[in-house]
């Protein structure tokens, strides 16, 4: 897990040159999708699709779609390598909450860096879960909402901690093509969102796409 942690830490610690931030996102996504897995209790999933949401004036990357900008009271994205459950307020209300999702955070509030990697699709040998809300629903089924409440407030790089029931860890590498495109977003409702709507910050592995390499004659 050291590889993914180091890549995220370099971003959060302002150790990446601002012009190199898109390349850092690319390399982080390839590492996450091809060399990591998500553990939920006793279940193991490969990550198939993620989206980056990130805001930092230092990097010149102030994403209006980041929850740290959409919701001014959202400070969770300012922490590093913890789980951010979208719109979590309490265990009593969360099962009925709409627009749920889960980020692995890549923030450092001391550096005014806020961000998260949204999990969009995960896949095990027997199950594919497609959609942020469906992923959270599965977590609720497997771990229970009380455990989600604890994880939603826990600190200390819990996203990587080996004793946590929800974590990302290193696994055997696969050499699959990682594609990128614009994120799955509603149409811009404010002028400042227009420039960000088409930015390619969604990364995915599409097993239904066949890539053909033409032979050179």
N, C-alpha and C. Protein backbone atom coordinates (compact mmCIF):
# COMPACT_ATOMS: atom_id res chain seq x y z
N UNK A 1 0.82 -1.21 0.00
CA UNK A 1 0.00 0.00 0.00
C UNK A 1 0.86 1.26 0.00
N UNK A 2 2.13 1.06 0.27
CA UNK A 2 3.02 2.21 0.35
C UNK A 2 3.01 3.02 -0.95
N UNK A 3 2.92 2.36 -2.11
CA UNK A 3 2.96 3.08 -3.38
C UNK A 3 1.80 4.05 -3.50
N UNK A 4 0.57 3.57 -3.27
CA UNK A 4 -0.59 4.46 -3.37
C UNK A 4 -0.53 5.56 -2.31
N UNK A 5 -0.19 5.19 -1.09
CA UNK A 5 -0.10 6.20 -0.02
C UNK A 5 0.91 7.28 -0.39
N UNK A 6 2.05 6.89 -0.90
CA UNK A 6 3.07 7.88 -1.26
C UNK A 6 2.60 8.81 -2.36
N UNK A 7 1.90 8.27 -3.34
CA UNK A 7 1.40 9.11 -4.43
C UNK A 7 0.39 10.14 -3.90
N UNK A 8 -0.49 9.71 -3.03
CA UNK A 8 -1.48 10.62 -2.46
C UNK A 8 -0.83 11.63 -1.53
N UNK A 9 0.14 11.16 -0.76
CA UNK A 9 0.82 12.04 0.19
C UNK A 9 1.60 13.14 -0.52
N UNK A 10 2.21 12.82 -1.64
CA UNK A 10 2.94 13.82 -2.41
C UNK A 10 2.01 14.93 -2.88
N UNK A 11 0.81 14.55 -3.29
CA UNK A 11 -0.17 15.55 -3.73
C UNK A 11 -0.60 16.41 -2.55
N UNK A 12 -0.98 15.77 -1.44
CA UNK A 12 -1.49 16.50 -0.28
C UNK A 12 -0.43 17.38 0.36
N UNK A 13 0.83 16.97 0.26
CA UNK A 13 1.93 17.71 0.89
C UNK A 13 2.50 18.79 -0.02
N UNK A 14 1.88 19.02 -1.17
CA UNK A 14 2.33 20.03 -2.14
C UNK A 14 3.71 19.70 -2.71
N UNK A 15 4.02 18.40 -2.80
CA UNK A 15 5.31 17.97 -3.32
C UNK A 15 5.29 17.73 -4.82
N UNK A 16 4.15 17.92 -5.45
CA UNK A 16 4.01 17.78 -6.90
C UNK A 16 4.03 19.17 -7.52
N UNK A 17 4.75 19.32 -8.62
CA UNK A 17 4.73 20.59 -9.33
C UNK A 17 3.31 20.84 -9.87
N UNK A 18 2.79 22.07 -9.73
CA UNK A 18 1.42 22.33 -10.18
C UNK A 18 1.15 21.89 -11.61
N UNK A 19 2.10 22.09 -12.51
CA UNK A 19 1.89 21.68 -13.90
C UNK A 19 1.84 20.16 -14.06
N UNK A 20 2.33 19.45 -13.06
CA UNK A 20 2.37 17.98 -13.14
C UNK A 20 1.20 17.32 -12.41
N UNK A 21 0.27 18.12 -11.88
CA UNK A 21 -0.85 17.54 -11.14
C UNK A 21 -1.70 16.59 -11.99
N UNK A 22 -2.05 16.93 -13.24
CA UNK A 22 -2.82 15.96 -14.03
C UNK A 22 -2.10 14.62 -14.21
N UNK A 23 -0.80 14.66 -14.42
CA UNK A 23 -0.02 13.43 -14.54
C UNK A 23 -0.02 12.66 -13.22
N UNK A 24 0.04 13.37 -12.10
CA UNK A 24 -0.01 12.71 -10.79
C UNK A 24 -1.35 12.03 -10.58
N UNK A 25 -2.44 12.66 -10.99
CA UNK A 25 -3.75 12.01 -10.93
C UNK A 25 -3.76 10.75 -11.78
N UNK A 26 -3.22 10.84 -13.00
CA UNK A 26 -3.19 9.68 -13.90
C UNK A 26 -2.46 8.50 -13.25
N UNK A 27 -1.28 8.76 -12.73
CA UNK A 27 -0.47 7.69 -12.14
C UNK A 27 -1.13 7.12 -10.88
N UNK A 28 -1.77 7.98 -10.11
CA UNK A 28 -2.47 7.52 -8.91
C UNK A 28 -3.64 6.62 -9.30
N UNK A 29 -4.38 7.00 -10.33
CA UNK A 29 -5.52 6.20 -10.78
C UNK A 29 -5.09 4.84 -11.29
N UNK A 30 -4.01 4.80 -12.06
CA UNK A 30 -3.51 3.51 -12.57
C UNK A 30 -3.10 2.61 -11.41
N UNK A 31 -2.42 3.17 -10.43
CA UNK A 31 -2.03 2.40 -9.25
C UNK A 31 -3.26 1.87 -8.52
N UNK A 32 -4.25 2.71 -8.32
CA UNK A 32 -5.45 2.34 -7.58
C UNK A 32 -6.24 1.25 -8.31
N UNK A 33 -6.40 1.39 -9.61
CA UNK A 33 -7.23 0.45 -10.36
C UNK A 33 -6.50 -0.85 -10.71
N UNK A 34 -5.20 -0.78 -10.89
CA UNK A 34 -4.47 -1.97 -11.32
C UNK A 34 -3.68 -2.68 -10.23
N UNK A 35 -3.38 -1.98 -9.12
CA UNK A 35 -2.51 -2.60 -8.12
C UNK A 35 -3.06 -2.55 -6.70
N UNK A 36 -4.34 -2.23 -6.57
CA UNK A 36 -4.97 -2.16 -5.25
C UNK A 36 -6.30 -2.88 -5.24
N UNK A 37 -6.79 -3.16 -4.05
CA UNK A 37 -8.11 -3.76 -3.90
C UNK A 37 -8.81 -3.13 -2.71
N UNK A 38 -10.12 -3.23 -2.71
CA UNK A 38 -10.96 -2.72 -1.62
C UNK A 38 -11.45 -3.89 -0.80
N UNK A 39 -11.24 -3.81 0.51
CA UNK A 39 -11.69 -4.86 1.42
C UNK A 39 -12.88 -4.33 2.22
N UNK A 40 -13.98 -5.09 2.18
CA UNK A 40 -15.19 -4.75 2.94
C UNK A 40 -15.51 -5.96 3.81
N UNK A 41 -15.16 -5.88 5.09
CA UNK A 41 -15.34 -7.05 5.94
C UNK A 41 -14.48 -8.20 5.44
N UNK A 42 -15.14 -9.31 5.05
CA UNK A 42 -14.41 -10.46 4.49
C UNK A 42 -14.48 -10.49 2.97
N UNK A 43 -15.07 -9.48 2.38
CA UNK A 43 -15.21 -9.43 0.92
C UNK A 43 -14.07 -8.62 0.30
N UNK A 44 -13.67 -9.02 -0.90
CA UNK A 44 -12.57 -8.37 -1.61
C UNK A 44 -13.05 -7.94 -3.00
N UNK A 45 -12.80 -6.68 -3.34
CA UNK A 45 -13.21 -6.12 -4.61
C UNK A 45 -12.02 -5.46 -5.31
N UNK A 46 -12.01 -5.50 -6.64
CA UNK A 46 -11.13 -4.64 -7.41
C UNK A 46 -11.90 -3.37 -7.75
N UNK A 47 -11.18 -2.27 -7.80
CA UNK A 47 -11.81 -1.00 -8.17
C UNK A 47 -11.82 -0.89 -9.69
N UNK A 48 -12.98 -0.58 -10.23
CA UNK A 48 -13.15 -0.52 -11.68
C UNK A 48 -13.36 0.91 -12.20
N UNK A 49 -13.84 1.79 -11.33
CA UNK A 49 -14.15 3.16 -11.77
C UNK A 49 -14.08 4.10 -10.58
N UNK A 50 -13.37 5.21 -10.75
CA UNK A 50 -13.27 6.23 -9.71
C UNK A 50 -13.30 7.61 -10.34
N UNK A 51 -13.56 8.61 -9.53
CA UNK A 51 -13.51 10.01 -9.97
C UNK A 51 -12.74 10.83 -8.95
N UNK A 52 -11.98 11.80 -9.45
CA UNK A 52 -11.20 12.67 -8.57
C UNK A 52 -11.93 14.01 -8.41
N UNK A 53 -12.01 14.46 -7.15
CA UNK A 53 -12.54 15.78 -6.80
C UNK A 53 -11.49 16.42 -5.91
N UNK A 54 -10.99 17.58 -6.32
CA UNK A 54 -9.81 18.12 -5.67
C UNK A 54 -9.81 19.64 -5.77
N UNK A 55 -9.44 20.30 -4.67
CA UNK A 55 -9.44 21.76 -4.66
C UNK A 55 -8.23 22.29 -3.92
N UNK A 56 -7.42 23.08 -4.62
CA UNK A 56 -6.22 23.66 -4.02
C UNK A 56 -5.80 24.88 -4.82
N UNK A 57 -5.73 26.03 -4.17
CA UNK A 57 -5.27 27.22 -4.86
C UNK A 57 -3.80 27.11 -5.24
N UNK A 58 -3.01 26.41 -4.43
CA UNK A 58 -1.59 26.22 -4.73
C UNK A 58 -1.41 25.57 -6.10
N UNK A 59 -2.23 24.58 -6.38
CA UNK A 59 -2.13 23.87 -7.65
C UNK A 59 -2.90 24.55 -8.78
N UNK A 60 -3.62 25.63 -8.46
CA UNK A 60 -4.45 26.25 -9.48
C UNK A 60 -5.58 25.34 -9.92
N UNK A 61 -6.04 24.50 -8.99
CA UNK A 61 -7.05 23.49 -9.30
C UNK A 61 -8.17 23.61 -8.26
N UNK A 62 -9.02 24.60 -8.45
CA UNK A 62 -10.11 24.86 -7.50
C UNK A 62 -11.40 24.36 -8.12
N UNK A 63 -11.70 23.11 -7.87
CA UNK A 63 -12.80 22.40 -8.51
C UNK A 63 -14.12 22.77 -7.82
N UNK A 64 -15.02 23.44 -8.52
CA UNK A 64 -16.29 23.83 -7.88
C UNK A 64 -17.20 22.65 -7.58
N UNK A 65 -16.90 21.48 -8.18
CA UNK A 65 -17.71 20.29 -7.90
C UNK A 65 -17.22 19.55 -6.66
N UNK A 66 -16.05 19.91 -6.13
CA UNK A 66 -15.57 19.31 -4.90
C UNK A 66 -16.51 19.67 -3.75
N UNK A 67 -16.79 18.73 -2.89
CA UNK A 67 -17.72 19.00 -1.79
C UNK A 67 -17.19 20.05 -0.84
N UNK A 68 -15.87 20.21 -0.77
CA UNK A 68 -15.32 21.27 0.08
C UNK A 68 -15.70 22.64 -0.42
N UNK A 69 -16.07 22.75 -1.70
CA UNK A 69 -16.55 24.01 -2.25
C UNK A 69 -18.07 24.06 -2.34
N UNK A 70 -18.69 22.92 -2.62
CA UNK A 70 -20.15 22.89 -2.70
C UNK A 70 -20.78 23.07 -1.33
N UNK A 71 -20.18 22.46 -0.32
CA UNK A 71 -20.72 22.51 1.04
C UNK A 71 -19.64 23.07 1.96
N UNK A 72 -19.79 24.31 2.35
CA UNK A 72 -18.74 24.99 3.10
C UNK A 72 -18.45 24.34 4.45
N UNK A 73 -19.40 23.56 4.97
CA UNK A 73 -19.16 22.91 6.26
C UNK A 73 -18.55 21.52 6.08
N UNK A 74 -18.18 21.17 4.85
CA UNK A 74 -17.56 19.88 4.58
C UNK A 74 -16.06 19.99 4.80
N UNK A 75 -15.59 19.54 5.95
CA UNK A 75 -14.16 19.61 6.27
C UNK A 75 -13.49 18.24 6.14
N UNK A 76 -14.27 17.20 5.94
CA UNK A 76 -13.72 15.84 5.89
C UNK A 76 -12.71 15.68 4.75
N UNK A 77 -12.94 16.38 3.62
CA UNK A 77 -12.01 16.27 2.50
C UNK A 77 -10.68 16.98 2.77
N UNK A 78 -10.56 17.63 3.92
CA UNK A 78 -9.30 18.24 4.31
C UNK A 78 -8.41 17.31 5.11
N UNK A 79 -8.87 16.07 5.33
CA UNK A 79 -8.06 15.07 6.03
C UNK A 79 -7.42 14.13 5.02
N UNK A 80 -6.46 13.36 5.49
CA UNK A 80 -5.71 12.48 4.60
C UNK A 80 -6.03 11.02 4.84
N UNK A 81 -6.43 10.33 3.76
CA UNK A 81 -6.62 8.88 3.76
C UNK A 81 -7.64 8.39 4.78
N UNK A 82 -8.73 9.14 4.92
CA UNK A 82 -9.86 8.67 5.72
C UNK A 82 -11.06 8.52 4.80
N UNK A 83 -12.12 7.94 5.34
CA UNK A 83 -13.33 7.74 4.54
C UNK A 83 -14.30 8.90 4.73
N UNK A 84 -14.74 9.45 3.62
CA UNK A 84 -15.73 10.52 3.65
C UNK A 84 -17.04 9.98 3.08
N UNK A 85 -18.02 9.79 3.94
CA UNK A 85 -19.35 9.34 3.53
C UNK A 85 -20.19 10.57 3.23
N UNK A 86 -20.57 10.73 1.98
CA UNK A 86 -21.28 11.93 1.55
C UNK A 86 -22.57 12.11 2.33
N UNK A 87 -22.73 13.33 2.85
CA UNK A 87 -23.97 13.76 3.50
C UNK A 87 -24.30 12.96 4.76
N UNK A 88 -23.30 12.37 5.38
CA UNK A 88 -23.57 11.63 6.61
C UNK A 88 -23.83 12.61 7.76
N UNK A 89 -24.92 12.38 8.48
CA UNK A 89 -25.24 13.17 9.66
C UNK A 89 -25.37 12.30 10.90
N UNK A 90 -26.08 11.18 10.77
CA UNK A 90 -26.23 10.28 11.91
C UNK A 90 -26.61 8.90 11.42
N UNK A 91 -26.37 7.90 12.27
CA UNK A 91 -26.75 6.53 11.92
C UNK A 91 -28.26 6.40 11.76
N UNK A 92 -29.01 7.22 12.48
CA UNK A 92 -30.47 7.13 12.43
C UNK A 92 -31.02 7.61 11.08
N UNK A 93 -30.40 8.63 10.50
CA UNK A 93 -30.95 9.23 9.27
C UNK A 93 -30.27 8.75 8.00
N UNK A 94 -29.06 8.18 8.12
CA UNK A 94 -28.30 7.87 6.91
C UNK A 94 -28.94 6.83 6.00
N UNK A 95 -29.61 5.81 6.52
CA UNK A 95 -30.24 4.85 5.60
C UNK A 95 -31.24 5.48 4.65
N UNK A 96 -31.83 6.62 5.03
CA UNK A 96 -32.83 7.28 4.17
C UNK A 96 -32.22 8.44 3.37
N UNK A 97 -30.95 8.71 3.58
CA UNK A 97 -30.30 9.84 2.93
C UNK A 97 -30.16 9.60 1.43
N UNK A 98 -30.47 10.62 0.64
CA UNK A 98 -30.30 10.53 -0.81
C UNK A 98 -28.90 10.99 -1.20
N UNK A 99 -28.48 10.59 -2.41
CA UNK A 99 -27.20 11.02 -2.99
C UNK A 99 -26.01 10.66 -2.10
N UNK A 100 -25.98 9.39 -1.71
CA UNK A 100 -24.87 8.92 -0.89
C UNK A 100 -23.68 8.54 -1.77
N UNK A 101 -22.51 8.58 -1.19
CA UNK A 101 -21.30 8.20 -1.89
C UNK A 101 -20.17 8.05 -0.90
N UNK A 102 -19.02 7.58 -1.39
CA UNK A 102 -17.87 7.33 -0.52
C UNK A 102 -16.59 7.76 -1.21
N UNK A 103 -15.82 8.60 -0.52
CA UNK A 103 -14.50 9.04 -1.00
C UNK A 103 -13.40 8.50 -0.10
N UNK A 104 -12.25 8.19 -0.71
CA UNK A 104 -11.00 8.12 0.02
C UNK A 104 -10.39 9.51 -0.08
N UNK A 105 -10.17 10.16 1.05
CA UNK A 105 -9.78 11.57 1.01
C UNK A 105 -8.29 11.74 0.70
N UNK A 106 -7.97 12.87 0.07
CA UNK A 106 -6.58 13.19 -0.27
C UNK A 106 -6.30 14.64 0.13
N UNK A 107 -6.71 15.00 1.34
CA UNK A 107 -6.59 16.38 1.78
C UNK A 107 -5.49 16.63 2.78
N UNK A 108 -5.24 17.90 3.00
CA UNK A 108 -4.36 18.39 4.05
C UNK A 108 -4.80 19.81 4.35
N UNK A 109 -5.65 19.96 5.36
CA UNK A 109 -6.26 21.27 5.61
C UNK A 109 -5.21 22.32 5.98
N UNK A 110 -4.07 21.89 6.55
CA UNK A 110 -3.02 22.84 6.89
C UNK A 110 -2.41 23.46 5.64
N UNK A 111 -2.47 22.74 4.52
CA UNK A 111 -1.97 23.24 3.24
C UNK A 111 -3.10 23.77 2.36
N UNK A 112 -4.31 23.87 2.91
CA UNK A 112 -5.50 24.28 2.14
C UNK A 112 -5.70 23.37 0.93
N UNK A 113 -5.50 22.09 1.17
CA UNK A 113 -5.73 21.07 0.15
C UNK A 113 -6.94 20.23 0.58
N UNK A 114 -7.93 20.13 -0.30
CA UNK A 114 -9.15 19.39 0.00
C UNK A 114 -9.48 18.50 -1.20
N UNK A 115 -9.80 17.25 -0.93
CA UNK A 115 -10.14 16.40 -2.06
C UNK A 115 -10.52 15.00 -1.66
N UNK A 116 -11.04 14.28 -2.64
CA UNK A 116 -11.41 12.89 -2.42
C UNK A 116 -11.49 12.14 -3.72
N UNK A 117 -11.29 10.83 -3.63
CA UNK A 117 -11.45 9.94 -4.77
C UNK A 117 -12.76 9.19 -4.57
N UNK A 118 -13.73 9.49 -5.40
CA UNK A 118 -15.05 8.87 -5.30
C UNK A 118 -15.03 7.47 -5.92
N UNK A 119 -15.52 6.49 -5.16
CA UNK A 119 -15.63 5.13 -5.68
C UNK A 119 -16.94 5.01 -6.45
N UNK A 120 -16.83 4.63 -7.73
CA UNK A 120 -18.04 4.55 -8.56
C UNK A 120 -18.42 3.12 -8.93
N UNK A 121 -17.43 2.26 -9.17
CA UNK A 121 -17.73 0.86 -9.51
C UNK A 121 -16.68 -0.03 -8.89
N UNK A 122 -17.14 -1.10 -8.24
CA UNK A 122 -16.24 -2.10 -7.67
C UNK A 122 -16.71 -3.48 -8.12
N UNK A 123 -15.77 -4.44 -8.14
CA UNK A 123 -16.11 -5.76 -8.69
C UNK A 123 -15.36 -6.85 -7.94
N UNK A 124 -16.11 -7.88 -7.54
CA UNK A 124 -15.51 -9.09 -6.96
C UNK A 124 -15.66 -10.21 -7.99
N UNK A 125 -15.28 -11.41 -7.60
CA UNK A 125 -15.41 -12.53 -8.52
C UNK A 125 -16.86 -12.84 -8.83
N UNK A 126 -17.77 -12.46 -7.95
CA UNK A 126 -19.17 -12.83 -8.14
C UNK A 126 -20.13 -11.65 -8.21
N UNK A 127 -19.63 -10.43 -7.99
CA UNK A 127 -20.53 -9.29 -7.85
C UNK A 127 -19.90 -8.02 -8.41
N UNK A 128 -20.69 -7.29 -9.20
CA UNK A 128 -20.30 -5.95 -9.65
C UNK A 128 -21.28 -4.96 -9.07
N UNK A 129 -20.76 -3.94 -8.40
CA UNK A 129 -21.60 -2.89 -7.81
C UNK A 129 -21.28 -1.60 -8.53
N UNK A 130 -22.26 -1.08 -9.24
CA UNK A 130 -22.09 0.07 -10.14
C UNK A 130 -22.89 1.25 -9.61
N UNK A 131 -22.18 2.25 -9.10
CA UNK A 131 -22.85 3.45 -8.61
C UNK A 131 -22.46 3.76 -7.18
N UNK A 132 -22.14 5.02 -6.88
CA UNK A 132 -21.72 5.39 -5.52
C UNK A 132 -22.73 5.04 -4.45
N UNK A 133 -24.01 5.32 -4.70
CA UNK A 133 -25.04 5.02 -3.71
C UNK A 133 -25.18 3.54 -3.46
N UNK A 134 -25.05 2.73 -4.51
CA UNK A 134 -25.16 1.28 -4.36
C UNK A 134 -23.99 0.72 -3.58
N UNK A 135 -22.81 1.32 -3.76
CA UNK A 135 -21.65 0.89 -2.98
C UNK A 135 -21.89 1.15 -1.50
N UNK A 136 -22.40 2.33 -1.16
CA UNK A 136 -22.68 2.64 0.24
C UNK A 136 -23.76 1.72 0.79
N UNK A 137 -24.77 1.41 -0.01
CA UNK A 137 -25.81 0.48 0.44
C UNK A 137 -25.23 -0.89 0.75
N UNK A 138 -24.29 -1.33 -0.07
CA UNK A 138 -23.65 -2.62 0.20
C UNK A 138 -22.83 -2.56 1.48
N UNK A 139 -22.13 -1.47 1.70
CA UNK A 139 -21.39 -1.30 2.96
C UNK A 139 -22.34 -1.35 4.15
N UNK A 140 -23.48 -0.73 4.01
CA UNK A 140 -24.47 -0.72 5.08
C UNK A 140 -24.94 -2.15 5.40
N UNK A 141 -25.11 -2.96 4.34
CA UNK A 141 -25.55 -4.34 4.52
C UNK A 141 -24.47 -5.19 5.19
N UNK A 142 -23.23 -5.01 4.74
CA UNK A 142 -22.14 -5.86 5.23
C UNK A 142 -21.63 -5.41 6.60
N UNK A 143 -21.43 -4.10 6.77
CA UNK A 143 -20.80 -3.59 8.00
C UNK A 143 -21.80 -3.08 9.02
N UNK A 144 -22.95 -2.60 8.55
CA UNK A 144 -23.94 -2.01 9.45
C UNK A 144 -23.76 -0.51 9.56
N UNK A 145 -24.85 0.19 9.80
CA UNK A 145 -24.81 1.65 9.81
C UNK A 145 -24.06 2.19 11.04
N UNK A 146 -24.03 1.42 12.13
CA UNK A 146 -23.28 1.87 13.31
C UNK A 146 -21.78 1.91 13.01
N UNK A 147 -21.31 0.92 12.26
CA UNK A 147 -19.89 0.91 11.88
C UNK A 147 -19.59 2.02 10.88
N UNK A 148 -20.53 2.31 10.00
CA UNK A 148 -20.36 3.43 9.08
C UNK A 148 -20.25 4.74 9.87
N UNK A 149 -21.06 4.87 10.90
CA UNK A 149 -20.99 6.08 11.74
C UNK A 149 -19.61 6.23 12.35
N UNK A 150 -19.02 5.15 12.81
CA UNK A 150 -17.68 5.22 13.39
C UNK A 150 -16.65 5.60 12.32
N UNK A 151 -16.73 4.96 11.17
CA UNK A 151 -15.77 5.22 10.10
C UNK A 151 -15.90 6.65 9.58
N UNK A 152 -17.12 7.18 9.60
CA UNK A 152 -17.36 8.53 9.08
C UNK A 152 -16.69 9.60 9.93
N UNK A 153 -16.34 9.26 11.17
CA UNK A 153 -15.71 10.23 12.06
C UNK A 153 -14.27 9.87 12.41
N UNK A 154 -13.85 8.66 12.05
CA UNK A 154 -12.52 8.17 12.45
C UNK A 154 -11.42 8.93 11.73
N UNK A 155 -10.28 9.06 12.39
CA UNK A 155 -9.12 9.75 11.81
C UNK A 155 -7.91 8.82 11.84
N UNK A 156 -6.80 9.29 11.26
CA UNK A 156 -5.58 8.51 11.34
C UNK A 156 -5.36 7.54 10.21
N UNK A 157 -5.61 7.97 8.97
CA UNK A 157 -5.38 7.15 7.78
C UNK A 157 -6.11 5.81 7.85
N UNK A 158 -7.35 5.85 8.28
CA UNK A 158 -8.14 4.62 8.42
C UNK A 158 -8.37 3.92 7.08
N UNK A 159 -8.27 4.65 5.98
CA UNK A 159 -8.46 4.04 4.68
C UNK A 159 -7.41 3.01 4.33
N UNK A 160 -6.26 3.05 5.03
CA UNK A 160 -5.17 2.11 4.78
C UNK A 160 -4.88 1.20 5.98
N UNK A 161 -5.56 1.40 7.09
CA UNK A 161 -5.20 0.69 8.32
C UNK A 161 -5.55 -0.80 8.20
N UNK A 162 -4.58 -1.69 8.45
CA UNK A 162 -4.83 -3.13 8.24
C UNK A 162 -5.87 -3.74 9.16
N UNK A 163 -6.18 -3.09 10.29
CA UNK A 163 -7.15 -3.65 11.22
C UNK A 163 -8.57 -3.14 10.99
N UNK A 164 -8.73 -2.23 10.04
CA UNK A 164 -10.06 -1.68 9.77
C UNK A 164 -10.88 -2.64 8.89
N UNK A 165 -12.20 -2.67 9.06
CA UNK A 165 -13.03 -3.55 8.23
C UNK A 165 -13.25 -3.00 6.81
N UNK A 166 -12.94 -1.73 6.61
CA UNK A 166 -13.04 -1.10 5.30
C UNK A 166 -11.69 -0.46 5.00
N UNK A 167 -11.02 -0.96 3.97
CA UNK A 167 -9.67 -0.46 3.69
C UNK A 167 -9.28 -0.75 2.25
N UNK A 168 -8.29 -0.01 1.79
CA UNK A 168 -7.66 -0.27 0.50
C UNK A 168 -6.28 -0.82 0.77
N UNK A 169 -5.94 -1.89 0.08
CA UNK A 169 -4.63 -2.50 0.27
C UNK A 169 -4.05 -2.93 -1.07
N UNK A 170 -2.73 -3.12 -1.08
CA UNK A 170 -2.04 -3.55 -2.29
C UNK A 170 -2.42 -4.99 -2.61
N UNK A 171 -2.41 -5.31 -3.90
CA UNK A 171 -2.70 -6.67 -4.33
C UNK A 171 -1.90 -6.95 -5.59
N UNK A 172 -2.07 -8.14 -6.15
CA UNK A 172 -1.31 -8.50 -7.34
C UNK A 172 -1.65 -7.53 -8.48
N UNK A 173 -0.63 -7.19 -9.24
CA UNK A 173 -0.81 -6.21 -10.31
C UNK A 173 -1.49 -6.84 -11.52
N UNK A 174 -2.33 -6.05 -12.16
CA UNK A 174 -2.92 -6.44 -13.44
C UNK A 174 -2.61 -5.33 -14.44
N UNK A 175 -2.38 -5.71 -15.65
CA UNK A 175 -1.95 -4.74 -16.65
C UNK A 175 -3.09 -4.41 -17.60
N UNK A 176 -4.17 -3.85 -17.02
CA UNK A 176 -5.34 -3.51 -17.82
C UNK A 176 -5.29 -2.03 -18.22
N UNK A 177 -5.88 -1.73 -19.37
CA UNK A 177 -5.93 -0.36 -19.86
C UNK A 177 -6.85 0.47 -18.98
N UNK A 178 -6.37 1.61 -18.54
CA UNK A 178 -7.18 2.55 -17.77
C UNK A 178 -7.58 3.70 -18.68
N UNK A 179 -8.87 3.90 -18.82
CA UNK A 179 -9.41 4.97 -19.64
C UNK A 179 -9.76 6.17 -18.75
N UNK A 180 -9.84 7.35 -19.36
CA UNK A 180 -10.33 8.49 -18.60
C UNK A 180 -11.26 9.32 -19.46
N UNK A 181 -12.20 9.97 -18.78
CA UNK A 181 -13.22 10.77 -19.47
C UNK A 181 -13.74 11.81 -18.49
N UNK A 182 -14.69 12.60 -18.92
CA UNK A 182 -15.29 13.55 -17.98
C UNK A 182 -16.10 12.78 -16.94
N UNK A 183 -16.30 13.42 -15.79
CA UNK A 183 -17.00 12.78 -14.70
C UNK A 183 -18.51 12.72 -14.97
N UNK A 184 -19.19 11.88 -14.22
CA UNK A 184 -20.65 11.77 -14.31
C UNK A 184 -21.23 12.86 -13.43
N UNK A 185 -21.66 13.97 -14.04
CA UNK A 185 -22.08 15.15 -13.31
C UNK A 185 -23.38 15.71 -13.89
N UNK A 186 -24.15 16.39 -13.06
CA UNK A 186 -25.30 17.14 -13.61
C UNK A 186 -24.80 18.33 -14.42
N UNK A 187 -25.61 18.81 -15.31
CA UNK A 187 -25.23 19.97 -16.11
C UNK A 187 -24.91 21.16 -15.20
N UNK A 188 -23.94 21.98 -15.60
CA UNK A 188 -23.56 23.12 -14.74
C UNK A 188 -24.73 24.05 -14.47
N UNK A 189 -24.88 24.43 -13.20
CA UNK A 189 -25.94 25.37 -12.82
C UNK A 189 -25.37 26.71 -12.37
N UNK A 190 -24.04 26.84 -12.45
CA UNK A 190 -23.38 28.09 -12.12
C UNK A 190 -22.26 28.32 -13.13
N UNK A 191 -21.99 29.56 -13.49
CA UNK A 191 -20.97 29.84 -14.51
C UNK A 191 -19.60 29.25 -14.18
N UNK A 192 -19.21 29.26 -12.90
CA UNK A 192 -17.88 28.77 -12.55
C UNK A 192 -17.72 27.27 -12.76
N UNK A 193 -18.84 26.55 -12.93
CA UNK A 193 -18.76 25.11 -13.16
C UNK A 193 -18.52 24.76 -14.63
N UNK A 194 -18.77 25.71 -15.52
CA UNK A 194 -18.71 25.41 -16.96
C UNK A 194 -17.35 24.87 -17.38
N UNK A 195 -16.27 25.50 -16.90
CA UNK A 195 -14.93 25.11 -17.32
C UNK A 195 -14.52 23.75 -16.75
N UNK A 196 -15.23 23.30 -15.73
CA UNK A 196 -14.86 22.05 -15.06
C UNK A 196 -15.70 20.86 -15.49
N UNK A 197 -16.77 21.12 -16.18
CA UNK A 197 -17.72 20.05 -16.51
C UNK A 197 -17.07 18.97 -17.38
N UNK A 198 -16.24 19.38 -18.33
CA UNK A 198 -15.66 18.43 -19.29
C UNK A 198 -14.25 17.97 -18.91
N UNK A 199 -13.75 18.37 -17.77
CA UNK A 199 -12.41 17.92 -17.38
C UNK A 199 -12.40 16.41 -17.16
N UNK A 200 -11.35 15.78 -17.66
CA UNK A 200 -11.26 14.31 -17.62
C UNK A 200 -10.66 13.86 -16.29
N UNK A 201 -11.55 13.66 -15.33
CA UNK A 201 -11.14 13.25 -13.98
C UNK A 201 -11.84 11.97 -13.54
N UNK A 202 -12.42 11.27 -14.50
CA UNK A 202 -13.03 9.96 -14.26
C UNK A 202 -12.11 8.91 -14.88
N UNK A 203 -11.75 7.91 -14.08
CA UNK A 203 -10.86 6.85 -14.54
C UNK A 203 -11.57 5.51 -14.41
N UNK A 204 -11.44 4.68 -15.41
CA UNK A 204 -12.18 3.42 -15.37
C UNK A 204 -11.52 2.34 -16.21
N UNK A 205 -11.81 1.12 -15.84
CA UNK A 205 -11.44 -0.06 -16.61
C UNK A 205 -12.71 -0.64 -17.18
N UNK A 206 -12.80 -0.68 -18.49
CA UNK A 206 -14.01 -1.18 -19.15
C UNK A 206 -13.69 -2.54 -19.77
N UNK A 207 -14.16 -3.59 -19.11
CA UNK A 207 -13.86 -4.93 -19.59
C UNK A 207 -14.62 -5.28 -20.87
N UNK A 208 -15.58 -4.44 -21.26
CA UNK A 208 -16.33 -4.70 -22.49
C UNK A 208 -15.70 -4.03 -23.71
N UNK A 209 -14.66 -3.20 -23.48
CA UNK A 209 -13.96 -2.56 -24.59
C UNK A 209 -12.77 -3.43 -24.97
N UNK A 210 -12.68 -3.79 -26.22
CA UNK A 210 -11.56 -4.59 -26.71
C UNK A 210 -10.58 -3.65 -27.42
N UNK A 211 -9.36 -3.62 -26.91
CA UNK A 211 -8.32 -2.78 -27.49
C UNK A 211 -7.49 -3.61 -28.45
N UNK A 212 -7.37 -3.16 -29.70
CA UNK A 212 -6.62 -3.88 -30.71
C UNK A 212 -5.38 -3.09 -31.07
N UNK A 213 -4.23 -3.73 -30.98
CA UNK A 213 -2.97 -3.11 -31.38
C UNK A 213 -2.63 -3.57 -32.79
N UNK A 214 -2.62 -2.63 -33.75
CA UNK A 214 -2.30 -2.99 -35.12
C UNK A 214 -0.85 -3.38 -35.25
N UNK A 215 -0.58 -4.48 -36.00
CA UNK A 215 0.80 -4.88 -36.25
C UNK A 215 1.45 -3.91 -37.24
N UNK A 216 2.72 -3.62 -36.99
CA UNK A 216 3.46 -2.79 -37.92
C UNK A 216 4.03 -3.65 -39.05
N UNK A 217 3.79 -3.24 -40.27
CA UNK A 217 4.29 -4.01 -41.42
C UNK A 217 5.70 -3.54 -41.80
